[in-house]
Amino acid sequence: MKLTELPPVEAETYKDIRVLRIDRENVFLVKLWRGNAQSPTHFYRFPTAEARDQWIIEQKRQTDQRVAGKLKRDTERAAERDAFRAADHVKVGDIFEHSWGYDQTNIEYFEVVAVGNKTVKVRQIAAKAVEGTQGFMSQTVRPCPGQFLEKTYNLTGGRVRGHEVEGALTVLVKLSSKNEPHLVCQFGWCGRVSADSSTYESWYA
């Protein structure tokens, strides 16, 4: 079990690192904590104080690069979020497939009925089994565009705020690493599919 050793008050603070120099007779030690580390991430011994100082200078240089890189990435992500418009990627009539489950694969389909700035409104639509695909507690299903169900599965709240909602559900849209739109949901994955797509589902459990 790793013991907790927080940096003492006399440790030098530089951005998100803390550095503690320890001098003993002909022994030059250094402990370094990075970020929220509960114990030193580095604990080294050096032959001279000068060698230790050079090592600390290098750690500060690397810290400068890492902090600057994080700031650049955060700034770029913020700019992307601000520039994102759902209408540039999603349109009314698009269908999204929600796949989720443990020891089973549940499939639900949602059709976009309105597009906002960064969100869309969706309603759940019926799914039908593909003839000849039925197996042991499994089958292949495809969406039924325009065949809206009376209630819509609550993608964003799931079991926390109730399974279903009346009418349309407002959901946040994001882009995947492949620049494909998906709906932000509490469980599983909800990506866009074509109206003639088909997917395997099962209910083993």
N, C-alpha and C. Protein backbone atom coordinates (compact mmCIF):
# COMPACT_ATOMS: atom_id res chain seq x y z
N MET A 1 0.84 -1.19 0.00
CA MET A 1 0.00 0.00 0.00
C MET A 1 0.88 1.25 0.00
N LYS A 2 0.63 2.16 -0.94
CA LYS A 2 1.44 3.36 -1.07
C LYS A 2 1.06 4.36 0.01
N LEU A 3 2.09 4.85 0.73
CA LEU A 3 1.84 5.79 1.80
C LEU A 3 1.69 7.20 1.24
N THR A 4 0.88 7.99 1.92
CA THR A 4 0.69 9.39 1.53
C THR A 4 1.82 10.23 2.10
N GLU A 5 2.41 11.07 1.25
CA GLU A 5 3.44 12.01 1.69
C GLU A 5 3.25 13.31 0.93
N LEU A 6 2.49 14.21 1.50
CA LEU A 6 2.21 15.48 0.85
C LEU A 6 3.43 16.39 0.93
N PRO A 7 3.59 17.30 -0.03
CA PRO A 7 4.74 18.21 0.01
C PRO A 7 4.68 19.14 1.22
N PRO A 8 5.79 19.34 1.91
CA PRO A 8 5.80 20.24 3.06
C PRO A 8 5.71 21.70 2.62
N VAL A 9 5.44 22.57 3.57
CA VAL A 9 5.24 23.98 3.24
C VAL A 9 6.50 24.61 2.67
N GLU A 10 7.69 24.09 3.03
CA GLU A 10 8.93 24.68 2.54
C GLU A 10 9.28 24.26 1.12
N ALA A 11 8.51 23.35 0.53
CA ALA A 11 8.77 22.94 -0.84
C ALA A 11 8.52 24.09 -1.81
N GLU A 12 9.35 24.20 -2.82
CA GLU A 12 9.20 25.25 -3.83
C GLU A 12 8.05 24.90 -4.77
N THR A 13 7.21 25.89 -5.03
CA THR A 13 6.10 25.70 -5.96
C THR A 13 6.44 26.33 -7.31
N TYR A 14 6.29 25.54 -8.38
CA TYR A 14 6.48 26.06 -9.73
C TYR A 14 5.36 25.51 -10.60
N LYS A 15 4.41 26.39 -10.93
CA LYS A 15 3.24 25.99 -11.70
C LYS A 15 2.54 24.82 -11.00
N ASP A 16 2.52 23.62 -11.62
CA ASP A 16 1.80 22.53 -10.96
C ASP A 16 2.73 21.50 -10.33
N ILE A 17 3.99 21.88 -10.08
CA ILE A 17 4.90 20.96 -9.40
C ILE A 17 5.39 21.59 -8.09
N ARG A 18 5.77 20.73 -7.15
CA ARG A 18 6.39 21.15 -5.89
C ARG A 18 7.73 20.45 -5.78
N VAL A 19 8.77 21.20 -5.41
CA VAL A 19 10.12 20.66 -5.37
C VAL A 19 10.71 20.87 -3.98
N LEU A 20 11.23 19.81 -3.41
CA LEU A 20 11.86 19.87 -2.09
C LEU A 20 13.31 19.42 -2.20
N ARG A 21 14.23 20.31 -1.87
CA ARG A 21 15.65 19.98 -1.82
C ARG A 21 16.00 19.51 -0.40
N ILE A 22 16.76 18.44 -0.32
CA ILE A 22 17.19 17.89 0.97
C ILE A 22 18.71 17.74 0.93
N ASP A 23 19.39 18.48 1.83
CA ASP A 23 20.84 18.44 1.87
C ASP A 23 21.31 17.70 3.12
N ARG A 24 22.15 16.70 2.90
CA ARG A 24 22.81 16.00 3.98
C ARG A 24 24.31 16.00 3.68
N GLU A 25 25.10 15.45 4.57
CA GLU A 25 26.54 15.48 4.36
C GLU A 25 26.92 14.73 3.09
N ASN A 26 27.37 15.52 2.09
CA ASN A 26 27.79 14.97 0.79
C ASN A 26 26.67 14.21 0.07
N VAL A 27 25.45 14.49 0.45
CA VAL A 27 24.30 13.86 -0.19
C VAL A 27 23.32 14.96 -0.58
N PHE A 28 22.90 14.96 -1.84
CA PHE A 28 21.99 15.99 -2.34
C PHE A 28 20.76 15.30 -2.92
N LEU A 29 19.65 15.43 -2.21
CA LEU A 29 18.42 14.74 -2.58
C LEU A 29 17.39 15.75 -3.09
N VAL A 30 16.43 15.24 -3.84
CA VAL A 30 15.31 16.06 -4.29
C VAL A 30 14.06 15.19 -4.36
N LYS A 31 12.96 15.77 -3.91
CA LYS A 31 11.65 15.15 -4.07
C LYS A 31 10.80 16.10 -4.90
N LEU A 32 10.03 15.51 -5.81
CA LEU A 32 9.17 16.33 -6.67
C LEU A 32 7.76 15.74 -6.70
N TRP A 33 6.78 16.60 -6.52
CA TRP A 33 5.37 16.22 -6.62
C TRP A 33 4.79 16.91 -7.86
N ARG A 34 4.02 16.20 -8.63
CA ARG A 34 3.39 16.76 -9.82
C ARG A 34 1.88 16.74 -9.67
N GLY A 35 1.24 17.87 -9.99
CA GLY A 35 -0.21 17.95 -9.93
C GLY A 35 -0.74 17.70 -8.53
N ASN A 36 -1.72 16.82 -8.43
CA ASN A 36 -2.35 16.51 -7.14
C ASN A 36 -1.81 15.23 -6.52
N ALA A 37 -0.58 14.86 -6.88
CA ALA A 37 0.01 13.63 -6.36
C ALA A 37 0.05 13.65 -4.83
N GLN A 38 -0.32 12.54 -4.24
CA GLN A 38 -0.36 12.41 -2.79
C GLN A 38 0.97 11.93 -2.21
N SER A 39 1.93 11.65 -3.08
CA SER A 39 3.27 11.26 -2.67
C SER A 39 4.23 11.67 -3.79
N PRO A 40 5.53 11.75 -3.51
CA PRO A 40 6.46 12.23 -4.53
C PRO A 40 6.42 11.36 -5.80
N THR A 41 6.41 12.03 -6.95
CA THR A 41 6.50 11.31 -8.23
C THR A 41 7.96 11.06 -8.59
N HIS A 42 8.88 11.82 -7.98
CA HIS A 42 10.32 11.63 -8.17
C HIS A 42 11.02 11.77 -6.82
N PHE A 43 12.02 10.92 -6.59
CA PHE A 43 12.86 11.01 -5.40
C PHE A 43 14.26 10.54 -5.80
N TYR A 44 15.18 11.52 -6.00
CA TYR A 44 16.49 11.21 -6.56
C TYR A 44 17.62 11.70 -5.67
N ARG A 45 18.76 11.08 -5.86
CA ARG A 45 19.99 11.46 -5.18
C ARG A 45 21.01 11.90 -6.23
N PHE A 46 21.73 13.00 -5.95
CA PHE A 46 22.70 13.55 -6.90
C PHE A 46 24.07 13.68 -6.25
N PRO A 47 25.13 13.60 -7.06
CA PRO A 47 26.48 13.71 -6.49
C PRO A 47 26.84 15.13 -6.05
N THR A 48 26.22 16.12 -6.70
CA THR A 48 26.49 17.52 -6.35
C THR A 48 25.20 18.32 -6.36
N ALA A 49 25.25 19.47 -5.68
CA ALA A 49 24.09 20.37 -5.68
C ALA A 49 23.85 20.93 -7.06
N GLU A 50 24.95 21.15 -7.82
CA GLU A 50 24.82 21.69 -9.17
C GLU A 50 24.09 20.72 -10.09
N ALA A 51 24.41 19.43 -9.98
CA ALA A 51 23.73 18.43 -10.80
C ALA A 51 22.25 18.38 -10.46
N ARG A 52 21.94 18.50 -9.20
CA ARG A 52 20.53 18.51 -8.79
C ARG A 52 19.81 19.73 -9.35
N ASP A 53 20.47 20.88 -9.28
CA ASP A 53 19.84 22.11 -9.78
C ASP A 53 19.59 22.02 -11.27
N GLN A 54 20.53 21.41 -12.02
CA GLN A 54 20.32 21.25 -13.45
C GLN A 54 19.13 20.34 -13.73
N TRP A 55 18.97 19.31 -12.93
CA TRP A 55 17.82 18.42 -13.09
C TRP A 55 16.52 19.16 -12.82
N ILE A 56 16.51 20.00 -11.78
CA ILE A 56 15.31 20.78 -11.45
C ILE A 56 14.98 21.75 -12.57
N ILE A 57 16.01 22.39 -13.14
CA ILE A 57 15.79 23.30 -14.25
C ILE A 57 15.13 22.56 -15.42
N GLU A 58 15.59 21.35 -15.70
CA GLU A 58 15.01 20.57 -16.79
C GLU A 58 13.56 20.20 -16.49
N GLN A 59 13.26 19.87 -15.24
CA GLN A 59 11.88 19.55 -14.87
C GLN A 59 10.97 20.77 -15.04
N LYS A 60 11.47 21.94 -14.73
CA LYS A 60 10.68 23.16 -14.91
C LYS A 60 10.45 23.44 -16.39
N ARG A 61 11.50 23.16 -17.21
CA ARG A 61 11.34 23.36 -18.65
C ARG A 61 10.27 22.42 -19.20
N GLN A 62 10.30 21.16 -18.79
CA GLN A 62 9.30 20.21 -19.23
C GLN A 62 7.90 20.59 -18.73
N THR A 63 7.86 21.14 -17.53
CA THR A 63 6.58 21.59 -16.98
C THR A 63 6.02 22.74 -17.81
N ASP A 64 6.89 23.67 -18.21
CA ASP A 64 6.46 24.78 -19.06
C ASP A 64 5.83 24.24 -20.35
N GLN A 65 6.49 23.26 -20.97
CA GLN A 65 5.98 22.69 -22.21
C GLN A 65 4.64 21.99 -21.99
N ARG A 66 4.56 21.22 -20.91
CA ARG A 66 3.34 20.46 -20.65
C ARG A 66 2.16 21.38 -20.34
N VAL A 67 2.39 22.40 -19.51
CA VAL A 67 1.32 23.33 -19.15
C VAL A 67 0.87 24.14 -20.37
N ALA A 68 1.86 24.58 -21.18
CA ALA A 68 1.53 25.34 -22.39
C ALA A 68 0.75 24.47 -23.37
N GLY A 69 1.15 23.20 -23.48
CA GLY A 69 0.44 22.28 -24.38
C GLY A 69 -0.99 22.05 -23.95
N LYS A 70 -1.18 21.89 -22.64
CA LYS A 70 -2.54 21.69 -22.12
C LYS A 70 -3.40 22.93 -22.36
N LEU A 71 -2.82 24.11 -22.13
CA LEU A 71 -3.57 25.35 -22.37
C LEU A 71 -3.96 25.47 -23.83
N LYS A 72 -3.04 25.10 -24.73
CA LYS A 72 -3.33 25.17 -26.17
C LYS A 72 -4.45 24.21 -26.53
N ARG A 73 -4.39 22.98 -26.00
CA ARG A 73 -5.44 22.01 -26.31
C ARG A 73 -6.78 22.46 -25.75
N ASP A 74 -6.78 22.98 -24.53
CA ASP A 74 -8.03 23.45 -23.92
C ASP A 74 -8.62 24.60 -24.72
N THR A 75 -7.75 25.50 -25.19
CA THR A 75 -8.22 26.65 -25.97
C THR A 75 -8.82 26.20 -27.30
N GLU A 76 -8.15 25.22 -27.93
CA GLU A 76 -8.66 24.71 -29.22
C GLU A 76 -10.00 24.00 -29.03
N ARG A 77 -10.11 23.20 -27.95
CA ARG A 77 -11.38 22.51 -27.70
C ARG A 77 -12.50 23.51 -27.43
N ALA A 78 -12.20 24.56 -26.67
CA ALA A 78 -13.21 25.58 -26.38
C ALA A 78 -13.66 26.27 -27.66
N ALA A 79 -12.70 26.55 -28.55
CA ALA A 79 -13.04 27.19 -29.82
C ALA A 79 -13.91 26.27 -30.67
N GLU A 80 -13.59 24.98 -30.67
CA GLU A 80 -14.39 24.02 -31.42
C GLU A 80 -15.81 23.94 -30.87
N ARG A 81 -15.92 23.93 -29.52
CA ARG A 81 -17.26 23.89 -28.92
C ARG A 81 -18.07 25.13 -29.27
N ASP A 82 -17.40 26.29 -29.24
CA ASP A 82 -18.10 27.53 -29.55
C ASP A 82 -18.54 27.57 -31.01
N ALA A 83 -17.70 27.02 -31.90
CA ALA A 83 -18.00 27.07 -33.33
C ALA A 83 -19.00 26.00 -33.76
N PHE A 84 -19.17 24.95 -32.95
CA PHE A 84 -20.02 23.84 -33.34
C PHE A 84 -21.48 24.27 -33.46
N ARG A 85 -22.11 23.87 -34.56
CA ARG A 85 -23.54 24.07 -34.78
C ARG A 85 -24.13 22.74 -35.20
N ALA A 86 -25.15 22.30 -34.47
CA ALA A 86 -25.75 21.01 -34.77
C ALA A 86 -26.25 20.94 -36.21
N ALA A 87 -26.78 22.07 -36.71
CA ALA A 87 -27.35 22.09 -38.06
C ALA A 87 -26.31 21.82 -39.14
N ASP A 88 -25.03 22.00 -38.83
CA ASP A 88 -23.98 21.71 -39.80
C ASP A 88 -23.75 20.22 -39.96
N HIS A 89 -24.29 19.43 -39.05
CA HIS A 89 -23.99 17.99 -39.04
C HIS A 89 -25.24 17.10 -39.00
N VAL A 90 -26.37 17.68 -38.55
CA VAL A 90 -27.59 16.89 -38.36
C VAL A 90 -28.76 17.62 -38.99
N LYS A 91 -29.71 16.86 -39.52
CA LYS A 91 -30.91 17.47 -40.10
C LYS A 91 -32.15 16.70 -39.63
N VAL A 92 -33.30 17.33 -39.75
CA VAL A 92 -34.56 16.68 -39.40
C VAL A 92 -34.73 15.43 -40.26
N GLY A 93 -35.11 14.34 -39.63
CA GLY A 93 -35.28 13.07 -40.32
C GLY A 93 -34.11 12.12 -40.13
N ASP A 94 -32.97 12.63 -39.66
CA ASP A 94 -31.84 11.74 -39.38
C ASP A 94 -32.22 10.75 -38.29
N ILE A 95 -31.66 9.57 -38.37
CA ILE A 95 -31.97 8.50 -37.41
C ILE A 95 -30.71 8.15 -36.62
N PHE A 96 -30.89 8.01 -35.31
CA PHE A 96 -29.80 7.63 -34.42
C PHE A 96 -30.14 6.30 -33.74
N GLU A 97 -29.13 5.47 -33.65
CA GLU A 97 -29.30 4.14 -33.06
C GLU A 97 -28.64 4.11 -31.68
N HIS A 98 -29.43 3.75 -30.67
CA HIS A 98 -28.93 3.65 -29.31
C HIS A 98 -28.68 2.19 -28.98
N SER A 99 -27.42 1.84 -28.71
CA SER A 99 -27.04 0.47 -28.38
C SER A 99 -26.49 0.45 -26.96
N TRP A 100 -27.04 -0.43 -26.13
CA TRP A 100 -26.59 -0.48 -24.75
C TRP A 100 -26.97 -1.83 -24.14
N GLY A 101 -26.39 -2.14 -22.98
CA GLY A 101 -26.76 -3.35 -22.27
C GLY A 101 -25.56 -4.08 -21.72
N TYR A 102 -25.80 -4.95 -20.78
CA TYR A 102 -24.78 -5.80 -20.16
C TYR A 102 -25.23 -7.24 -20.30
N ASP A 103 -24.41 -8.06 -20.96
CA ASP A 103 -24.77 -9.45 -21.29
C ASP A 103 -25.99 -9.50 -22.22
N GLN A 104 -26.25 -8.40 -22.89
CA GLN A 104 -27.32 -8.33 -23.87
C GLN A 104 -27.07 -7.08 -24.71
N THR A 105 -27.75 -6.97 -25.83
CA THR A 105 -27.60 -5.79 -26.69
C THR A 105 -28.99 -5.22 -26.97
N ASN A 106 -29.29 -4.11 -26.33
CA ASN A 106 -30.57 -3.44 -26.53
C ASN A 106 -30.42 -2.40 -27.64
N ILE A 107 -31.37 -2.36 -28.54
CA ILE A 107 -31.33 -1.42 -29.66
C ILE A 107 -32.61 -0.58 -29.66
N GLU A 108 -32.44 0.72 -29.73
CA GLU A 108 -33.56 1.64 -29.86
C GLU A 108 -33.22 2.66 -30.93
N TYR A 109 -34.24 3.15 -31.63
CA TYR A 109 -34.02 4.12 -32.69
C TYR A 109 -34.73 5.44 -32.38
N PHE A 110 -34.07 6.53 -32.77
CA PHE A 110 -34.61 7.87 -32.53
C PHE A 110 -34.51 8.68 -33.81
N GLU A 111 -35.57 9.42 -34.09
CA GLU A 111 -35.60 10.26 -35.29
C GLU A 111 -35.57 11.73 -34.88
N VAL A 112 -34.76 12.51 -35.57
CA VAL A 112 -34.64 13.94 -35.28
C VAL A 112 -35.88 14.67 -35.79
N VAL A 113 -36.52 15.43 -34.91
CA VAL A 113 -37.72 16.18 -35.31
C VAL A 113 -37.49 17.69 -35.29
N ALA A 114 -36.38 18.13 -34.69
CA ALA A 114 -36.04 19.55 -34.67
C ALA A 114 -34.56 19.68 -34.36
N VAL A 115 -33.93 20.73 -34.93
CA VAL A 115 -32.50 20.96 -34.73
C VAL A 115 -32.29 22.32 -34.09
N GLY A 116 -31.57 22.35 -32.98
CA GLY A 116 -31.25 23.60 -32.31
C GLY A 116 -29.81 24.01 -32.58
N ASN A 117 -29.26 24.80 -31.67
CA ASN A 117 -27.90 25.29 -31.83
C ASN A 117 -26.88 24.16 -31.61
N LYS A 118 -26.91 23.58 -30.44
CA LYS A 118 -26.00 22.48 -30.12
C LYS A 118 -26.77 21.22 -29.71
N THR A 119 -28.07 21.26 -29.84
CA THR A 119 -28.92 20.13 -29.45
C THR A 119 -29.90 19.79 -30.57
N VAL A 120 -30.51 18.62 -30.43
CA VAL A 120 -31.61 18.25 -31.32
C VAL A 120 -32.75 17.72 -30.47
N LYS A 121 -33.94 17.74 -31.03
CA LYS A 121 -35.08 17.09 -30.41
C LYS A 121 -35.34 15.80 -31.17
N VAL A 122 -35.48 14.73 -30.42
CA VAL A 122 -35.70 13.43 -31.05
C VAL A 122 -36.94 12.77 -30.46
N ARG A 123 -37.53 11.89 -31.26
CA ARG A 123 -38.60 11.02 -30.78
C ARG A 123 -38.23 9.58 -31.11
N GLN A 124 -38.60 8.69 -30.24
CA GLN A 124 -38.29 7.29 -30.48
C GLN A 124 -39.22 6.74 -31.54
N ILE A 125 -38.67 5.91 -32.42
CA ILE A 125 -39.46 5.28 -33.48
C ILE A 125 -39.41 3.77 -33.30
N ALA A 126 -40.33 3.12 -33.96
CA ALA A 126 -40.43 1.66 -33.85
C ALA A 126 -39.25 0.99 -34.55
N ALA A 127 -38.98 -0.23 -34.10
CA ALA A 127 -37.99 -1.09 -34.75
C ALA A 127 -38.69 -2.37 -35.17
N LYS A 128 -38.27 -2.94 -36.28
CA LYS A 128 -38.87 -4.19 -36.72
C LYS A 128 -37.80 -5.23 -36.97
N ALA A 129 -38.15 -6.48 -36.74
CA ALA A 129 -37.20 -7.57 -36.94
C ALA A 129 -37.03 -7.84 -38.43
N VAL A 130 -35.82 -8.12 -38.81
CA VAL A 130 -35.53 -8.50 -40.20
C VAL A 130 -35.91 -9.97 -40.36
N GLU A 131 -36.76 -10.25 -41.30
CA GLU A 131 -37.28 -11.61 -41.48
C GLU A 131 -36.15 -12.61 -41.71
N GLY A 132 -36.23 -13.71 -40.98
CA GLY A 132 -35.25 -14.78 -41.14
C GLY A 132 -34.02 -14.66 -40.26
N THR A 133 -33.97 -13.60 -39.43
CA THR A 133 -32.78 -13.41 -38.58
C THR A 133 -33.02 -13.84 -37.14
N GLN A 134 -34.24 -14.25 -36.80
CA GLN A 134 -34.54 -14.61 -35.42
C GLN A 134 -33.75 -15.85 -35.02
N GLY A 135 -33.12 -15.76 -33.84
CA GLY A 135 -32.38 -16.89 -33.29
C GLY A 135 -32.73 -17.06 -31.83
N PHE A 136 -31.86 -17.72 -31.10
CA PHE A 136 -32.10 -17.93 -29.68
C PHE A 136 -31.95 -16.62 -28.93
N MET A 137 -33.07 -16.06 -28.51
CA MET A 137 -33.11 -14.81 -27.76
C MET A 137 -32.33 -13.71 -28.47
N SER A 138 -32.46 -13.68 -29.80
CA SER A 138 -31.74 -12.67 -30.57
C SER A 138 -32.40 -12.50 -31.93
N GLN A 139 -32.09 -11.37 -32.55
CA GLN A 139 -32.59 -11.10 -33.88
C GLN A 139 -31.86 -9.87 -34.43
N THR A 140 -32.09 -9.60 -35.70
CA THR A 140 -31.58 -8.37 -36.31
C THR A 140 -32.74 -7.44 -36.54
N VAL A 141 -32.55 -6.16 -36.19
CA VAL A 141 -33.65 -5.20 -36.31
C VAL A 141 -33.22 -4.03 -37.17
N ARG A 142 -34.22 -3.31 -37.69
CA ARG A 142 -33.95 -2.09 -38.44
C ARG A 142 -34.99 -1.03 -38.06
N PRO A 143 -34.65 0.24 -38.27
CA PRO A 143 -35.57 1.32 -37.86
C PRO A 143 -36.77 1.44 -38.78
N CYS A 144 -37.83 2.03 -38.23
CA CYS A 144 -39.05 2.32 -38.99
C CYS A 144 -39.26 3.83 -39.00
N PRO A 145 -38.66 4.54 -39.95
CA PRO A 145 -38.76 6.00 -39.97
C PRO A 145 -40.21 6.48 -39.99
N GLY A 146 -40.48 7.50 -39.17
CA GLY A 146 -41.81 8.10 -39.12
C GLY A 146 -42.81 7.37 -38.26
N GLN A 147 -42.50 6.17 -37.80
CA GLN A 147 -43.40 5.42 -36.93
C GLN A 147 -43.07 5.73 -35.46
N PHE A 148 -43.54 6.89 -35.01
CA PHE A 148 -43.18 7.37 -33.68
C PHE A 148 -43.93 6.61 -32.59
N LEU A 149 -43.23 6.34 -31.50
CA LEU A 149 -43.85 5.74 -30.33
C LEU A 149 -44.49 6.82 -29.48
N GLU A 150 -45.44 6.42 -28.64
CA GLU A 150 -46.11 7.41 -27.79
C GLU A 150 -45.14 8.05 -26.80
N LYS A 151 -44.20 7.25 -26.31
CA LYS A 151 -43.22 7.77 -25.36
C LYS A 151 -41.82 7.53 -25.89
N THR A 152 -40.88 8.36 -25.41
CA THR A 152 -39.49 8.29 -25.85
C THR A 152 -38.60 7.90 -24.69
N TYR A 153 -37.73 6.93 -24.93
CA TYR A 153 -36.77 6.52 -23.90
C TYR A 153 -35.89 7.70 -23.50
N ASN A 154 -35.71 7.89 -22.20
CA ASN A 154 -34.93 9.02 -21.71
C ASN A 154 -33.43 8.72 -21.80
N LEU A 155 -32.84 9.10 -22.92
CA LEU A 155 -31.42 8.86 -23.14
C LEU A 155 -30.54 9.53 -22.09
N THR A 156 -30.91 10.73 -21.68
CA THR A 156 -30.04 11.52 -20.82
C THR A 156 -30.20 11.20 -19.34
N GLY A 157 -31.35 10.63 -18.95
CA GLY A 157 -31.57 10.35 -17.54
C GLY A 157 -31.63 8.89 -17.21
N GLY A 158 -32.03 8.07 -18.19
CA GLY A 158 -32.10 6.63 -17.98
C GLY A 158 -32.87 6.27 -16.72
N ARG A 159 -32.29 5.39 -15.95
CA ARG A 159 -32.96 4.89 -14.75
C ARG A 159 -32.96 5.90 -13.62
N VAL A 160 -32.19 6.98 -13.77
CA VAL A 160 -32.12 7.96 -12.69
C VAL A 160 -33.37 8.82 -12.64
N ARG A 161 -33.78 9.34 -13.79
CA ARG A 161 -34.94 10.23 -13.81
C ARG A 161 -36.14 9.61 -14.52
N GLY A 162 -36.16 8.33 -14.67
CA GLY A 162 -37.29 7.68 -15.32
C GLY A 162 -36.94 7.20 -16.70
N HIS A 163 -37.54 6.09 -17.09
CA HIS A 163 -37.21 5.45 -18.36
C HIS A 163 -37.68 6.24 -19.58
N GLU A 164 -38.86 6.85 -19.51
CA GLU A 164 -39.47 7.44 -20.70
C GLU A 164 -39.98 8.85 -20.42
N VAL A 165 -40.10 9.62 -21.50
CA VAL A 165 -40.66 10.96 -21.41
C VAL A 165 -41.76 11.09 -22.45
N GLU A 166 -42.68 12.00 -22.20
CA GLU A 166 -43.74 12.27 -23.17
C GLU A 166 -43.19 13.16 -24.28
N GLY A 167 -43.55 12.86 -25.51
CA GLY A 167 -43.15 13.69 -26.64
C GLY A 167 -41.67 13.61 -26.95
N ALA A 168 -41.12 14.74 -27.44
CA ALA A 168 -39.75 14.78 -27.89
C ALA A 168 -38.78 15.00 -26.72
N LEU A 169 -37.56 14.54 -26.91
CA LEU A 169 -36.50 14.68 -25.92
C LEU A 169 -35.38 15.53 -26.50
N THR A 170 -34.94 16.53 -25.74
CA THR A 170 -33.83 17.38 -26.18
C THR A 170 -32.51 16.76 -25.75
N VAL A 171 -31.60 16.56 -26.73
CA VAL A 171 -30.34 15.86 -26.46
C VAL A 171 -29.18 16.66 -27.06
N LEU A 172 -28.07 16.69 -26.35
CA LEU A 172 -26.86 17.36 -26.82
C LEU A 172 -26.21 16.54 -27.93
N VAL A 173 -25.72 17.22 -28.96
CA VAL A 173 -25.02 16.56 -30.07
C VAL A 173 -23.53 16.84 -29.96
N LYS A 174 -22.71 15.81 -30.18
CA LYS A 174 -21.26 15.98 -30.25
C LYS A 174 -20.73 15.23 -31.45
N LEU A 175 -19.46 15.48 -31.77
CA LEU A 175 -18.82 14.79 -32.87
C LEU A 175 -17.83 13.76 -32.34
N SER A 176 -17.78 12.62 -33.00
CA SER A 176 -16.83 11.58 -32.62
C SER A 176 -15.45 11.93 -33.17
N SER A 177 -14.47 11.08 -32.86
CA SER A 177 -13.11 11.29 -33.38
C SER A 177 -13.07 11.21 -34.90
N LYS A 178 -14.09 10.57 -35.50
CA LYS A 178 -14.19 10.47 -36.95
C LYS A 178 -15.09 11.55 -37.54
N ASN A 179 -15.42 12.56 -36.71
CA ASN A 179 -16.24 13.69 -37.13
C ASN A 179 -17.67 13.30 -37.48
N GLU A 180 -18.15 12.23 -36.84
CA GLU A 180 -19.52 11.79 -37.04
C GLU A 180 -20.36 12.22 -35.82
N PRO A 181 -21.58 12.70 -36.05
CA PRO A 181 -22.41 13.15 -34.92
C PRO A 181 -22.94 11.98 -34.10
N HIS A 182 -23.03 12.21 -32.80
CA HIS A 182 -23.66 11.24 -31.91
C HIS A 182 -24.39 12.00 -30.82
N LEU A 183 -25.38 11.36 -30.23
CA LEU A 183 -26.15 11.97 -29.16
C LEU A 183 -25.53 11.59 -27.82
N VAL A 184 -25.43 12.56 -26.94
CA VAL A 184 -24.87 12.32 -25.61
C VAL A 184 -25.91 11.59 -24.78
N CYS A 185 -25.56 10.40 -24.30
CA CYS A 185 -26.52 9.59 -23.55
C CYS A 185 -25.85 9.05 -22.30
N GLN A 186 -26.69 8.64 -21.34
CA GLN A 186 -26.16 8.16 -20.07
C GLN A 186 -25.57 6.76 -20.19
N PHE A 187 -26.17 5.92 -21.00
CA PHE A 187 -25.71 4.55 -21.16
C PHE A 187 -25.44 4.26 -22.63
N GLY A 188 -24.39 3.49 -22.91
CA GLY A 188 -24.15 3.00 -24.26
C GLY A 188 -23.70 4.06 -25.24
N TRP A 189 -24.07 3.86 -26.50
CA TRP A 189 -23.66 4.73 -27.60
C TRP A 189 -24.86 5.01 -28.48
N CYS A 190 -24.96 6.24 -28.98
CA CYS A 190 -26.09 6.62 -29.83
C CYS A 190 -25.56 7.38 -31.04
N GLY A 191 -25.26 6.63 -32.10
CA GLY A 191 -24.71 7.22 -33.31
C GLY A 191 -25.70 7.20 -34.46
N ARG A 192 -25.43 8.03 -35.45
CA ARG A 192 -26.33 8.14 -36.60
C ARG A 192 -26.19 6.93 -37.51
N VAL A 193 -27.32 6.46 -38.03
CA VAL A 193 -27.34 5.34 -38.96
C VAL A 193 -28.25 5.69 -40.13
N SER A 194 -28.16 4.92 -41.19
CA SER A 194 -29.04 5.12 -42.34
C SER A 194 -30.38 4.44 -42.08
N ALA A 195 -31.40 4.88 -42.80
CA ALA A 195 -32.75 4.36 -42.60
C ALA A 195 -32.86 2.88 -42.95
N ASP A 196 -31.97 2.38 -43.81
CA ASP A 196 -32.05 0.97 -44.21
C ASP A 196 -31.00 0.10 -43.49
N SER A 197 -30.41 0.64 -42.43
CA SER A 197 -29.42 -0.14 -41.69
C SER A 197 -30.10 -1.21 -40.84
N SER A 198 -29.34 -2.21 -40.43
CA SER A 198 -29.88 -3.24 -39.55
C SER A 198 -28.80 -3.61 -38.54
N THR A 199 -29.25 -4.00 -37.33
CA THR A 199 -28.31 -4.27 -36.24
C THR A 199 -28.78 -5.47 -35.43
N TYR A 200 -27.82 -6.24 -34.98
CA TYR A 200 -28.10 -7.40 -34.13
C TYR A 200 -28.47 -6.94 -32.73
N GLU A 201 -29.51 -7.57 -32.15
CA GLU A 201 -29.86 -7.32 -30.75
C GLU A 201 -30.13 -8.67 -30.06
N SER A 202 -29.94 -8.67 -28.76
CA SER A 202 -30.15 -9.90 -28.00
C SER A 202 -30.68 -9.56 -26.61
N TRP A 203 -31.30 -10.56 -25.98
CA TRP A 203 -31.83 -10.36 -24.62
C TRP A 203 -31.57 -11.61 -23.80
N TYR A 204 -30.29 -12.00 -23.75
CA TYR A 204 -29.89 -13.21 -23.03
C TYR A 204 -30.21 -13.12 -21.55
N ALA A 205 -29.91 -11.95 -20.94
CA ALA A 205 -30.08 -11.84 -19.51
C ALA A 205 -31.55 -11.63 -19.15
